[in-house]
C-alpha atoms as a PDB file:
ATOM      1  CA  MET A   1      48.407   0.418 -46.406  1.00  0.00           C
ATOM      2  CA  LYS A   2      45.037   1.757 -45.381  1.00  0.00           C
ATOM      3  CA  PRO A   3      43.981   1.146 -41.684  1.00  0.00           C
ATOM      4  CA  LYS A   4      41.101  -1.282 -41.069  1.00  0.00           C
ATOM      5  CA  LEU A   5      37.770   0.062 -40.201  1.00  0.00           C
ATOM      6  CA  TYR A   6      37.891  -1.948 -36.950  1.00  0.00           C
ATOM      7  CA  GLU A   7      41.221  -0.358 -36.135  1.00  0.00           C
ATOM      8  CA  VAL A   8      39.936   3.160 -36.418  1.00  0.00           C
ATOM      9  CA  ALA A   9      36.528   2.318 -34.673  1.00  0.00           C
ATOM     10  CA  GLN A  10      38.528   0.849 -31.829  1.00  0.00           C
ATOM     11  CA  ARG A  11      40.791   3.882 -31.459  1.00  0.00           C
ATOM     12  CA  ALA A  12      38.052   6.422 -31.873  1.00  0.00           C
ATOM     13  CA  LYS A  13      35.764   4.455 -29.474  1.00  0.00           C
ATOM     14  CA  VAL A  14      32.953   4.410 -32.119  1.00  0.00           C
ATOM     15  CA  SER A  15      31.271   1.772 -34.275  1.00  0.00           C
ATOM     16  CA  GLU A  16      32.671   0.686 -37.645  1.00  0.00           C
ATOM     17  CA  ALA A  17      29.456   2.036 -39.296  1.00  0.00           C
ATOM     18  CA  THR A  18      30.283   5.422 -37.927  1.00  0.00           C
ATOM     19  CA  VAL A  19      33.783   5.399 -39.370  1.00  0.00           C
ATOM     20  CA  SER A  20      32.211   4.368 -42.707  1.00  0.00           C
ATOM     21  CA  ARG A  21      29.749   7.144 -42.605  1.00  0.00           C
ATOM     22  CA  VAL A  22      32.500   9.714 -41.895  1.00  0.00           C
ATOM     23  CA  LEU A  23      34.671   8.378 -44.730  1.00  0.00           C
ATOM     24  CA  ASN A  24      31.756   8.509 -47.085  1.00  0.00           C
ATOM     25  CA  GLN A  25      30.605  11.889 -45.797  1.00  0.00           C
ATOM     26  CA  ARG A  26      27.056  10.816 -44.734  1.00  0.00           C
ATOM     27  CA  PRO A  27      24.866  12.598 -42.406  1.00  0.00           C
ATOM     28  CA  GLY A  28      23.934  11.242 -38.771  1.00  0.00           C
ATOM     29  CA  VAL A  29      27.372  11.776 -37.126  1.00  0.00           C
ATOM     30  CA  ALA A  30      28.017  14.423 -34.470  1.00  0.00           C
ATOM     31  CA  GLU A  31      30.516  17.026 -35.224  1.00  0.00           C
ATOM     32  CA  ALA A  32      32.613  16.060 -32.183  1.00  0.00           C
ATOM     33  CA  THR A  33      32.539  12.255 -33.184  1.00  0.00           C
ATOM     34  CA  ARG A  34      33.573  13.155 -36.902  1.00  0.00           C
ATOM     35  CA  LEU A  35      36.541  15.078 -35.687  1.00  0.00           C
ATOM     36  CA  ARG A  36      37.632  12.283 -33.416  1.00  0.00           C
ATOM     37  CA  VAL A  37      37.450   9.894 -36.288  1.00  0.00           C
ATOM     38  CA  LEU A  38      39.345  12.192 -38.711  1.00  0.00           C
ATOM     39  CA  ASP A  39      42.058  12.739 -36.063  1.00  0.00           C
ATOM     40  CA  VAL A  40      42.434   8.934 -35.662  1.00  0.00           C
ATOM     41  CA  LEU A  41      42.640   8.486 -39.374  1.00  0.00           C
ATOM     42  CA  ASN A  42      45.259  11.175 -39.489  1.00  0.00           C
ATOM     43  CA  GLN A  43      47.296   9.451 -36.749  1.00  0.00           C
ATOM     44  CA  LEU A  44      47.230   6.199 -38.703  1.00  0.00           C
ATOM     45  CA  GLY A  45      48.566   7.864 -41.707  1.00  0.00           C
ATOM     46  CA  TYR A  46      45.462   7.278 -43.900  1.00  0.00           C
ATOM     47  CA  ASN A  47      46.084   8.570 -47.287  1.00  0.00           C
ATOM     48  CA  PHE A  48      42.981  10.272 -48.385  1.00  0.00           C
ATOM     49  CA  GLY A  49      43.963  11.472 -51.847  1.00  0.00           C
ATOM     50  CA  PRO A  50      43.432  14.948 -53.153  1.00  0.00           C
ATOM     51  CA  ASP A  51      39.784  14.543 -54.015  1.00  0.00           C
ATOM     52  CA  ARG A  52      38.845  12.706 -50.871  1.00  0.00           C
ATOM     53  CA  VAL A  53      40.774  15.310 -48.762  1.00  0.00           C
ATOM     54  CA  ARG A  54      38.605  17.956 -50.291  1.00  0.00           C
ATOM     55  CA  LYS A  55      35.448  15.973 -49.337  1.00  0.00           C
ATOM     56  CA  LEU A  56      36.539  15.009 -45.938  1.00  0.00           C
ATOM     57  CA  GLY A  57      37.839  18.299 -44.521  1.00  0.00           C
ATOM     58  CA  THR A  58      39.626  21.326 -45.452  1.00  0.00           C
ATOM     59  CA  THR A  59      43.393  20.918 -46.214  1.00  0.00           C
ATOM     60  CA  VAL A  60      45.986  23.186 -44.630  1.00  0.00           C
ATOM     61  CA  GLY A  61      49.470  23.659 -45.973  1.00  0.00           C
ATOM     62  CA  ILE A  62      52.087  24.083 -43.287  1.00  0.00           C
ATOM     63  CA  ILE A  63      55.303  25.619 -44.482  1.00  0.00           C
ATOM     64  CA  THR A  64      58.482  25.651 -42.213  1.00  0.00           C
ATOM     65  CA  PRO A  65      62.188  26.476 -42.706  1.00  0.00           C
ATOM     66  CA  GLU A  66      64.368  23.180 -43.162  1.00  0.00           C
ATOM     67  CA  PHE A  67      64.316  20.735 -40.388  1.00  0.00           C
ATOM     68  CA  ASP A  68      67.935  21.296 -39.218  1.00  0.00           C
ATOM     69  CA  ASN A  69      66.642  23.071 -36.151  1.00  0.00           C
ATOM     70  CA  PRO A  70      64.391  20.783 -34.095  1.00  0.00           C
ATOM     71  CA  ILE A  71      62.085  23.656 -33.055  1.00  0.00           C
ATOM     72  CA  PHE A  72      60.462  23.682 -36.569  1.00  0.00           C
ATOM     73  CA  PRO A  73      59.446  20.006 -36.928  1.00  0.00           C
ATOM     74  CA  LEU A  74      58.034  20.205 -33.381  1.00  0.00           C
ATOM     75  CA  ILE A  75      55.953  23.340 -34.244  1.00  0.00           C
ATOM     76  CA  ALA A  76      54.762  21.848 -37.496  1.00  0.00           C
ATOM     77  CA  GLN A  77      53.694  18.503 -35.646  1.00  0.00           C
ATOM     78  CA  THR A  78      51.914  20.360 -32.951  1.00  0.00           C
ATOM     79  CA  ILE A  79      49.996  22.703 -35.270  1.00  0.00           C
ATOM     80  CA  GLU A  80      49.075  19.490 -37.411  1.00  0.00           C
ATOM     81  CA  SER A  81      47.723  17.917 -34.274  1.00  0.00           C
ATOM     82  CA  LYS A  82      45.624  20.867 -33.216  1.00  0.00           C
ATOM     83  CA  LEU A  83      44.207  21.267 -36.785  1.00  0.00           C
ATOM     84  CA  ALA A  84      43.281  17.755 -36.946  1.00  0.00           C
ATOM     85  CA  ARG A  85      40.944  18.419 -33.916  1.00  0.00           C
ATOM     86  CA  HIS A  86      39.172  21.012 -35.946  1.00  0.00           C
ATOM     87  CA  GLY A  87      38.688  18.440 -38.758  1.00  0.00           C
ATOM     88  CA  LEU A  88      41.372  20.041 -40.783  1.00  0.00           C
ATOM     89  CA  LEU A  89      44.005  17.814 -42.522  1.00  0.00           C
ATOM     90  CA  SER A  90      47.493  19.112 -43.023  1.00  0.00           C
ATOM     91  CA  MET A  91      50.339  18.859 -45.454  1.00  0.00           C
ATOM     92  CA  ILE A  92      53.736  19.971 -44.395  1.00  0.00           C
ATOM     93  CA  GLY A  93      56.625  21.401 -46.529  1.00  0.00           C
ATOM     94  CA  PRO A  94      60.070  22.228 -45.276  1.00  0.00           C
ATOM     95  CA  ALA A  95      61.086  25.066 -47.434  1.00  0.00           C
ATOM     96  CA  THR A  96      65.078  25.449 -48.068  1.00  0.00           C
ATOM     97  CA  PRO A  97      66.923  28.335 -50.083  1.00  0.00           C
ATOM     98  CA  THR A  98      68.302  25.801 -52.421  1.00  0.00           C
ATOM     99  CA  THR A  99      65.507  23.376 -53.280  1.00  0.00           C
ATOM    100  CA  ALA A 100      61.666  23.800 -52.698  1.00  0.00           C
ATOM    101  CA  HIS A 101      60.886  27.530 -51.895  1.00  0.00           C
ATOM    102  CA  GLU A 102      58.044  28.841 -49.991  1.00  0.00           C
ATOM    103  CA  ARG A 103      56.330  30.130 -53.044  1.00  0.00           C
ATOM    104  CA  ASP A 104      56.668  26.555 -54.637  1.00  0.00           C
ATOM    105  CA  TYR A 105      54.968  24.952 -51.677  1.00  0.00           C
ATOM    106  CA  ILE A 106      52.186  27.549 -51.624  1.00  0.00           C
ATOM    107  CA  HIS A 107      51.520  26.995 -55.332  1.00  0.00           C
ATOM    108  CA  HIS A 108      51.561  23.141 -54.841  1.00  0.00           C
ATOM    109  CA  PHE A 109      49.322  23.274 -51.897  1.00  0.00           C
ATOM    110  CA  LEU A 110      46.673  25.349 -53.534  1.00  0.00           C
ATOM    111  CA  ARG A 111      46.924  23.003 -56.519  1.00  0.00           C
ATOM    112  CA  MET A 112      46.013  20.167 -54.035  1.00  0.00           C
ATOM    113  CA  GLY A 113      42.861  21.985 -52.972  1.00  0.00           C
ATOM    114  CA  ALA A 114      44.279  23.806 -49.855  1.00  0.00           C
ATOM    115  CA  ARG A 115      42.081  26.502 -48.374  1.00  0.00           C
ATOM    116  CA  ALA A 116      44.603  27.674 -45.657  1.00  0.00           C
ATOM    117  CA  VAL A 117      48.171  28.125 -45.312  1.00  0.00           C
ATOM    118  CA  VAL A 118      50.339  28.269 -42.101  1.00  0.00           C
ATOM    119  CA  ILE A 119      53.847  29.683 -42.519  1.00  0.00           C
ATOM    120  CA  VAL A 120      56.481  29.439 -39.963  1.00  0.00           C
ATOM    121  CA  ASN A 121      59.332  31.937 -39.988  1.00  0.00           C
ATOM    122  CA  GLY A 122      58.623  32.491 -43.576  1.00  0.00           C
ATOM    123  CA  SER A 123      60.236  34.780 -46.074  1.00  0.00           C
ATOM    124  CA  TYR A 124      58.307  37.743 -44.574  1.00  0.00           C
ATOM    125  CA  ALA A 125      60.802  37.412 -41.635  1.00  0.00           C
ATOM    126  CA  ARG A 126      63.288  39.355 -43.869  1.00  0.00           C
ATOM    127  CA  ARG A 127      61.813  42.786 -43.329  1.00  0.00           C
ATOM    128  CA  SER A 128      62.392  43.865 -46.792  1.00  0.00           C
ATOM    129  CA  THR A 129      60.117  41.169 -48.113  1.00  0.00           C
ATOM    130  CA  GLY A 130      56.887  42.725 -46.833  1.00  0.00           C
ATOM    131  CA  TYR A 131      53.391  41.117 -46.798  1.00  0.00           C
ATOM    132  CA  ALA A 132      51.997  41.718 -50.274  1.00  0.00           C
ATOM    133  CA  ALA A 133      52.060  38.189 -51.316  1.00  0.00           C
ATOM    134  CA  TYR A 134      50.205  36.984 -48.115  1.00  0.00           C
ATOM    135  CA  GLU A 135      47.597  39.896 -48.583  1.00  0.00           C
ATOM    136  CA  ARG A 136      46.924  38.536 -52.024  1.00  0.00           C
ATOM    137  CA  LEU A 137      46.323  35.024 -50.706  1.00  0.00           C
ATOM    138  CA  LEU A 138      43.683  36.448 -48.146  1.00  0.00           C
ATOM    139  CA  THR A 139      41.946  38.464 -51.011  1.00  0.00           C
ATOM    140  CA  ASP A 140      41.694  35.185 -53.002  1.00  0.00           C
ATOM    141  CA  GLY A 141      39.924  33.691 -50.110  1.00  0.00           C
ATOM    142  CA  ILE A 142      42.830  31.633 -48.760  1.00  0.00           C
ATOM    143  CA  ALA A 143      43.192  31.664 -44.908  1.00  0.00           C
ATOM    144  CA  VAL A 144      46.708  32.598 -43.829  1.00  0.00           C
ATOM    145  CA  VAL A 145      48.388  32.467 -40.423  1.00  0.00           C
ATOM    146  CA  LEU A 146      51.937  33.436 -39.850  1.00  0.00           C
ATOM    147  CA  VAL A 147      54.001  32.018 -37.068  1.00  0.00           C
ATOM    148  CA  ASN A 148      56.845  34.039 -35.416  1.00  0.00           C
ATOM    149  CA  GLY A 149      59.307  36.351 -37.306  1.00  0.00           C
ATOM    150  CA  VAL A 150      56.460  39.184 -37.824  1.00  0.00           C
ATOM    151  CA  THR A 151      57.023  42.812 -37.784  1.00  0.00           C
ATOM    152  CA  GLN A 152      54.544  44.757 -35.403  1.00  0.00           C
ATOM    153  CA  PRO A 153      52.027  45.848 -36.411  1.00  0.00           C
ATOM    154  CA  CYS A 154      51.394  42.857 -38.859  1.00  0.00           C
ATOM    155  CA  PRO A 155      48.574  43.147 -41.511  1.00  0.00           C
ATOM    156  CA  ILE A 156      48.266  39.300 -41.495  1.00  0.00           C
ATOM    157  CA  PRO A 157      46.773  37.204 -38.731  1.00  0.00           C
ATOM    158  CA  ALA A 158      49.922  35.932 -36.954  1.00  0.00           C
ATOM    159  CA  VAL A 159      50.929  34.031 -33.724  1.00  0.00           C
ATOM    160  CA  THR A 160      54.452  35.013 -32.555  1.00  0.00           C
ATOM    161  CA  VAL A 161      56.644  34.881 -29.555  1.00  0.00           C
ATOM    162  CA  ASP A 162      57.848  38.116 -28.034  1.00  0.00           C
ATOM    163  CA  MET A 163      61.463  38.096 -28.777  1.00  0.00           C
ATOM    164  CA  VAL A 164      62.136  41.406 -27.415  1.00  0.00           C
ATOM    165  CA  GLY A 165      60.600  40.411 -24.006  1.00  0.00           C
ATOM    166  CA  ALA A 166      62.575  37.126 -24.250  1.00  0.00           C
ATOM    167  CA  ALA A 167      65.947  38.860 -24.621  1.00  0.00           C
ATOM    168  CA  GLN A 168      65.121  41.128 -21.682  1.00  0.00           C
ATOM    169  CA  SER A 169      64.187  38.314 -19.533  1.00  0.00           C
ATOM    170  CA  ALA A 170      67.458  36.514 -20.432  1.00  0.00           C
ATOM    171  CA  ILE A 171      69.650  39.636 -19.864  1.00  0.00           C
ATOM    172  CA  ARG A 172      67.933  40.409 -16.420  1.00  0.00           C
ATOM    173  CA  HIS A 173      68.701  36.876 -15.385  1.00  0.00           C
ATOM    174  CA  LEU A 174      72.323  37.213 -16.382  1.00  0.00           C
ATOM    175  CA  VAL A 175      72.575  40.540 -14.544  1.00  0.00           C
ATOM    176  CA  HIS A 176      71.115  39.165 -11.410  1.00  0.00           C
ATOM    177  CA  LEU A 177      73.868  36.598 -11.562  1.00  0.00           C
ATOM    178  CA  GLY A 178      76.478  39.321 -11.510  1.00  0.00           C
ATOM    179  CA  HIS A 179      77.519  39.415 -15.275  1.00  0.00           C
ATOM    180  CA  ARG A 180      78.337  42.833 -16.710  1.00  0.00           C
ATOM    181  CA  ARG A 181      80.019  41.831 -19.987  1.00  0.00           C
ATOM    182  CA  ILE A 182      77.277  40.093 -21.729  1.00  0.00           C
ATOM    183  CA  GLY A 183      77.348  39.006 -25.530  1.00  0.00           C
ATOM    184  CA  CYS A 184      74.521  38.540 -28.002  1.00  0.00           C
ATOM    185  CA  ILE A 185      74.446  35.979 -30.963  1.00  0.00           C
ATOM    186  CA  PRO A 186      71.383  37.087 -32.995  1.00  0.00           C
ATOM    187  CA  GLY A 187      71.895  35.211 -36.111  1.00  0.00           C
ATOM    188  CA  ASP A 188      71.529  37.302 -39.453  1.00  0.00           C
ATOM    189  CA  LEU A 189      70.346  40.720 -38.709  1.00  0.00           C
ATOM    190  CA  ASP A 190      68.555  40.956 -41.998  1.00  0.00           C
ATOM    191  CA  TYR A 191      65.685  39.123 -40.377  1.00  0.00           C
ATOM    192  CA  ALA A 192      63.117  40.385 -37.867  1.00  0.00           C
ATOM    193  CA  PRO A 193      63.600  38.061 -34.920  1.00  0.00           C
ATOM    194  CA  PRO A 194      67.459  38.808 -34.753  1.00  0.00           C
ATOM    195  CA  GLN A 195      66.500  42.439 -34.819  1.00  0.00           C
ATOM    196  CA  ASP A 196      64.003  42.052 -32.063  1.00  0.00           C
ATOM    197  CA  LEU A 197      66.435  39.970 -29.955  1.00  0.00           C
ATOM    198  CA  VAL A 198      68.901  42.826 -30.168  1.00  0.00           C
ATOM    199  CA  ALA A 199      66.436  45.447 -29.328  1.00  0.00           C
ATOM    200  CA  GLY A 200      65.496  43.651 -26.115  1.00  0.00           C
ATOM    201  CA  TYR A 201      69.251  43.018 -25.331  1.00  0.00           C
ATOM    202  CA  TRP A 202      69.962  46.711 -25.536  1.00  0.00           C
ATOM    203  CA  GLN A 203      66.926  47.818 -23.636  1.00  0.00           C
ATOM    204  CA  ALA A 204      67.749  45.400 -20.602  1.00  0.00           C
ATOM    205  CA  LEU A 205      71.408  46.455 -20.594  1.00  0.00           C
ATOM    206  CA  LYS A 206      70.407  50.135 -20.488  1.00  0.00           C
ATOM    207  CA  GLU A 207      67.963  49.129 -17.737  1.00  0.00           C
ATOM    208  CA  ALA A 208      70.848  47.711 -15.805  1.00  0.00           C
ATOM    209  CA  ALA A 209      73.031  50.742 -16.393  1.00  0.00           C
ATOM    210  CA  ILE A 210      75.605  48.706 -18.178  1.00  0.00           C
ATOM    211  CA  THR A 211      77.600  50.430 -20.905  1.00  0.00           C
ATOM    212  CA  LEU A 212      76.580  49.503 -24.419  1.00  0.00           C
ATOM    213  CA  ASP A 213      79.323  47.753 -26.636  1.00  0.00           C
ATOM    214  CA  ASP A 214      78.483  47.073 -30.335  1.00  0.00           C
ATOM    215  CA  GLU A 215      81.415  44.646 -30.438  1.00  0.00           C
ATOM    216  CA  LEU A 216      79.477  42.222 -28.181  1.00  0.00           C
ATOM    217  CA  VAL A 217      76.717  41.753 -30.783  1.00  0.00           C
ATOM    218  CA  VAL A 218      78.224  38.997 -33.148  1.00  0.00           C
ATOM    219  CA  GLU A 219      76.213  37.712 -36.160  1.00  0.00           C
ATOM    220  CA  GLY A 220      76.475  34.141 -37.483  1.00  0.00           C
ATOM    221  CA  LEU A 221      74.798  31.535 -39.396  1.00  0.00           C
ATOM    222  CA  PHE A 222      71.669  29.950 -37.825  1.00  0.00           C
ATOM    223  CA  THR A 223      73.698  26.701 -37.022  1.00  0.00           C
ATOM    224  CA  ILE A 224      75.745  25.120 -34.492  1.00  0.00           C
ATOM    225  CA  GLU A 225      78.857  26.095 -36.348  1.00  0.00           C
ATOM    226  CA  GLY A 226      77.683  29.670 -36.505  1.00  0.00           C
ATOM    227  CA  GLY A 227      76.982  29.676 -32.784  1.00  0.00           C
ATOM    228  CA  ARG A 228      80.600  28.330 -32.154  1.00  0.00           C
ATOM    229  CA  CYS A 229      82.273  30.849 -34.359  1.00  0.00           C
ATOM    230  CA  ALA A 230      80.315  33.866 -32.882  1.00  0.00           C
ATOM    231  CA  ALA A 231      80.865  32.758 -29.364  1.00  0.00           C
ATOM    232  CA  GLU A 232      84.825  32.211 -29.898  1.00  0.00           C
ATOM    233  CA  GLU A 233      84.750  35.837 -30.936  1.00  0.00           C
ATOM    234  CA  LEU A 234      82.826  36.842 -27.872  1.00  0.00           C
ATOM    235  CA  PHE A 235      84.909  34.884 -25.390  1.00  0.00           C
ATOM    236  CA  ASP A 236      88.022  36.692 -27.029  1.00  0.00           C
ATOM    237  CA  LYS A 237      86.445  39.956 -26.294  1.00  0.00           C
ATOM    238  CA  GLY A 238      86.092  39.175 -22.679  1.00  0.00           C
ATOM    239  CA  ALA A 239      82.172  38.228 -22.554  1.00  0.00           C
ATOM    240  CA  THR A 240      81.522  36.296 -19.477  1.00  0.00           C
ATOM    241  CA  ALA A 241      77.981  35.394 -20.523  1.00  0.00           C
ATOM    242  CA  LEU A 242      75.774  35.554 -23.876  1.00  0.00           C
ATOM    243  CA  ILE A 243      72.476  34.922 -25.105  1.00  0.00           C
ATOM    244  CA  ALA A 244      71.989  33.159 -28.468  1.00  0.00           C
ATOM    245  CA  ILE A 245      68.870  33.134 -30.742  1.00  0.00           C
ATOM    246  CA  SER A 246      68.268  29.449 -30.900  1.00  0.00           C
ATOM    247  CA  ASP A 247      69.217  26.578 -28.890  1.00  0.00           C
ATOM    248  CA  ILE A 248      71.344  25.002 -31.471  1.00  0.00           C
ATOM    249  CA  MET A 249      73.455  28.233 -31.718  1.00  0.00           C
ATOM    250  CA  ALA A 250      73.736  28.202 -27.979  1.00  0.00           C
ATOM    251  CA  LEU A 251      75.200  24.438 -28.143  1.00  0.00           C
ATOM    252  CA  GLY A 252      77.636  25.701 -30.564  1.00  0.00           C
ATOM    253  CA  ALA A 253      78.672  28.371 -28.035  1.00  0.00           C
ATOM    254  CA  VAL A 254      78.949  25.664 -25.247  1.00  0.00           C
ATOM    255  CA  ALA A 255      81.297  23.674 -27.759  1.00  0.00           C
ATOM    256  CA  SER A 256      83.231  26.824 -28.193  1.00  0.00           C
ATOM    257  CA  ALA A 257      83.779  27.368 -24.554  1.00  0.00           C
ATOM    258  CA  GLN A 258      84.777  23.802 -24.006  1.00  0.00           C
ATOM    259  CA  GLY A 259      87.050  23.765 -26.842  1.00  0.00           C
ATOM    260  CA  GLN A 260      88.943  26.832 -25.093  1.00  0.00           C
ATOM    261  CA  GLY A 261      89.042  25.025 -21.770  1.00  0.00           C
ATOM    262  CA  LEU A 262      86.351  27.269 -20.454  1.00  0.00           C
ATOM    263  CA  GLY A 263      84.100  25.699 -17.819  1.00  0.00           C
ATOM    264  CA  VAL A 264      80.244  26.258 -18.478  1.00  0.00           C
ATOM    265  CA  PRO A 265      78.940  27.927 -16.159  1.00  0.00           C
ATOM    266  CA  ALA A 266      82.209  28.250 -13.878  1.00  0.00           C
ATOM    267  CA  ASP A 267      83.833  30.676 -16.499  1.00  0.00           C
ATOM    268  CA  VAL A 268      81.057  31.555 -18.902  1.00  0.00           C
ATOM    269  CA  SER A 269      77.224  31.409 -18.886  1.00  0.00           C
ATOM    270  CA  ILE A 270      75.030  30.670 -21.959  1.00  0.00           C
ATOM    271  CA  ILE A 271      71.387  31.195 -22.603  1.00  0.00           C
ATOM    272  CA  GLY A 272      69.686  29.789 -25.688  1.00  0.00           C
ATOM    273  CA  PHE A 273      66.196  30.175 -27.208  1.00  0.00           C
ATOM    274  CA  ASP A 274      63.443  27.634 -28.182  1.00  0.00           C
ATOM    275  CA  GLY A 275      63.428  25.134 -25.444  1.00  0.00           C
ATOM    276  CA  THR A 276      62.969  21.965 -27.503  1.00  0.00           C
ATOM    277  CA  PRO A 277      62.746  18.934 -25.206  1.00  0.00           C
ATOM    278  CA  LEU A 278      65.280  17.181 -27.242  1.00  0.00           C
ATOM    279  CA  LEU A 279      67.963  19.419 -25.721  1.00  0.00           C
ATOM    280  CA  ALA A 280      67.130  18.323 -22.182  1.00  0.00           C
ATOM    281  CA  MET A 281      69.502  15.206 -22.919  1.00  0.00           C
ATOM    282  CA  TYR A 282      72.641  17.269 -23.577  1.00  0.00           C
ATOM    283  CA  ASN A 283      75.007  17.833 -20.728  1.00  0.00           C
ATOM    284  CA  PRO A 284      75.094  20.391 -19.432  1.00  0.00           C
ATOM    285  CA  THR A 285      71.445  20.995 -19.706  1.00  0.00           C
ATOM    286  CA  LEU A 286      70.742  24.223 -21.457  1.00  0.00           C
ATOM    287  CA  THR A 287      69.423  27.436 -19.798  1.00  0.00           C
ATOM    288  CA  THR A 288      66.850  28.506 -22.320  1.00  0.00           C
ATOM    289  CA  LEU A 289      63.851  30.503 -23.122  1.00  0.00           C
ATOM    290  CA  ARG A 290      61.065  28.093 -24.041  1.00  0.00           C
ATOM    291  CA  GLN A 291      58.524  28.931 -26.625  1.00  0.00           C
ATOM    292  CA  PRO A 292      54.949  27.975 -25.544  1.00  0.00           C
ATOM    293  CA  VAL A 293      54.534  25.798 -28.576  1.00  0.00           C
ATOM    294  CA  ASP A 294      51.358  24.012 -27.527  1.00  0.00           C
ATOM    295  CA  ARG A 295      49.415  27.072 -26.660  1.00  0.00           C
ATOM    296  CA  MET A 296      50.761  28.762 -29.843  1.00  0.00           C
ATOM    297  CA  ALA A 297      49.820  25.952 -32.149  1.00  0.00           C
ATOM    298  CA  GLN A 298      46.258  25.672 -30.509  1.00  0.00           C
ATOM    299  CA  THR A 299      45.797  29.446 -31.360  1.00  0.00           C
ATOM    300  CA  VAL A 300      47.005  29.013 -34.879  1.00  0.00           C
ATOM    301  CA  ALA A 301      44.406  26.223 -35.434  1.00  0.00           C
ATOM    302  CA  THR A 302      41.639  28.325 -33.888  1.00  0.00           C
ATOM    303  CA  MET A 303      42.619  31.232 -36.197  1.00  0.00           C
ATOM    304  CA  VAL A 304      42.654  29.100 -39.270  1.00  0.00           C
ATOM    305  CA  ALA A 305      39.248  27.583 -38.345  1.00  0.00           C
ATOM    306  CA  GLY A 306      37.801  30.994 -37.700  1.00  0.00           C
ATOM    307  CA  GLN A 307      39.188  32.649 -40.822  1.00  0.00           C
ATOM    308  CA  LEU A 308      37.432  29.642 -42.817  1.00  0.00           C
ATOM    309  CA  ARG A 309      34.294  30.749 -41.048  1.00  0.00           C
ATOM    310  CA  GLY A 310      34.820  34.248 -42.124  1.00  0.00           C
ATOM    311  CA  ASP A 311      36.438  35.677 -38.933  1.00  0.00           C
ATOM    312  CA  ARG A 312      39.512  37.860 -39.146  1.00  0.00           C
ATOM    313  CA  GLN A 313      41.932  37.947 -36.051  1.00  0.00           C
ATOM    314  CA  THR A 314      44.883  40.238 -35.138  1.00  0.00           C
ATOM    315  CA  THR A 315      48.361  39.167 -33.980  1.00  0.00           C
ATOM    316  CA  GLN A 316      48.455  37.054 -30.908  1.00  0.00           C
ATOM    317  CA  LEU A 317      51.716  37.544 -28.865  1.00  0.00           C
ATOM    318  CA  PHE A 318      53.187  34.850 -26.548  1.00  0.00           C
ATOM    319  CA  GLU A 319      55.830  35.157 -23.766  1.00  0.00           C
ATOM    320  CA  ALA A 320      58.719  32.795 -23.660  1.00  0.00           C
ATOM    321  CA  GLU A 321      59.452  31.171 -20.339  1.00  0.00           C
ATOM    322  CA  LEU A 322      62.974  31.207 -18.932  1.00  0.00           C
ATOM    323  CA  ILE A 323      63.982  27.539 -17.998  1.00  0.00           C
ATOM    324  CA  ALA A 324      66.920  27.556 -15.830  1.00  0.00           C
ATOM    325  CA  GLY A 325      69.574  24.729 -16.924  1.00  0.00           C
ATOM    326  CA  ALA A 326      73.099  24.134 -15.911  1.00  0.00           C
ATOM    327  CA  THR A 327      74.763  26.492 -18.366  1.00  0.00           C
ATOM    328  CA  ALA A 328      74.148  29.772 -16.481  1.00  0.00           C
ATOM    329  CA  GLY A 329      75.606  30.519 -13.164  1.00  0.00           C
ATOM    330  CA  LEU A 330      77.201  33.365 -11.197  1.00  0.00           C
ATOM    331  CA  ALA A 331      79.682  35.561 -12.693  1.00  0.00           C
ATOM    332  CA  PRO A 332      83.420  34.405 -12.221  1.00  0.00           C
ATOM    333  CA  ALA A 333      84.191  37.204  -9.851  1.00  0.00           C
ATOM    334  CA  LEU A 334      81.271  36.324  -7.624  1.00  0.00           C
ATOM    335  CA  ALA A 335      81.723  32.381  -7.904  1.00  0.00           C
ATOM    336  CA  ARG A 336      85.166  32.300  -6.537  1.00  0.00           C
END
């Protein structure tokens, strides 16, 4: 059901006549007002249809991995909100390995008249994939911004969190707490973010003069169960602490510890990555590295809008923030 004009006008704090002028693309509306009306229409779920979308504002396709990990819908929703403030309307597609692939969504969005695509942790994150497909989109006049998982230097405009720096921050924190046998759960090392996580992990251990042990890096699926299985292996090898590449894998590690009768953090300390607000409700609260999603999304929107005006940007790097929860504490030898 379409929202009534008076509903939109009331929320946007404008007259119904102004809403009508925006919908019918008539002159006489200030740009800031037009964007505010479009933002309200977007919030109310107004279905513009492909023809009207092309008239009202440029459409942006946002492609993410499947929504099993809560960080991906959070990133997509935040980017959508920031784009709306530029008068850019979004369509979101969660790509999966077995159903709709990234390339399927790209083709669909372009058929729908999209002038830009934002891709979150896309196929490019597998370093063997490369960037040729995205370079072709840029050549064809389609704005492209990649979010996370890029390899430096990246030839495509991108916004990414510093995974190497994040790992270093986590390991330094654990070393400060007295831990010396620290494990790493990077996920699948075919991908760039896990490789960067491990690179930062090794660098921080060397900095702390801790002997490196390949056995303390255990791959796993990017799932709770993947984290649980990898953590079980690390605990069997005597790890008193670990870092995982995602919060959901870290939660799997917490479950593994509890299943073995280990106290968290009395016996083992666990640090995740992402910092999604939903996980604050878990007990014990997770120590994690929070992505600055709001600032990253704002930069994505600015980069998309800039490309549509003809500006080309370079990769923007963001630092993750260590958020102290209840899953990281003193090493067992120091706590007793």
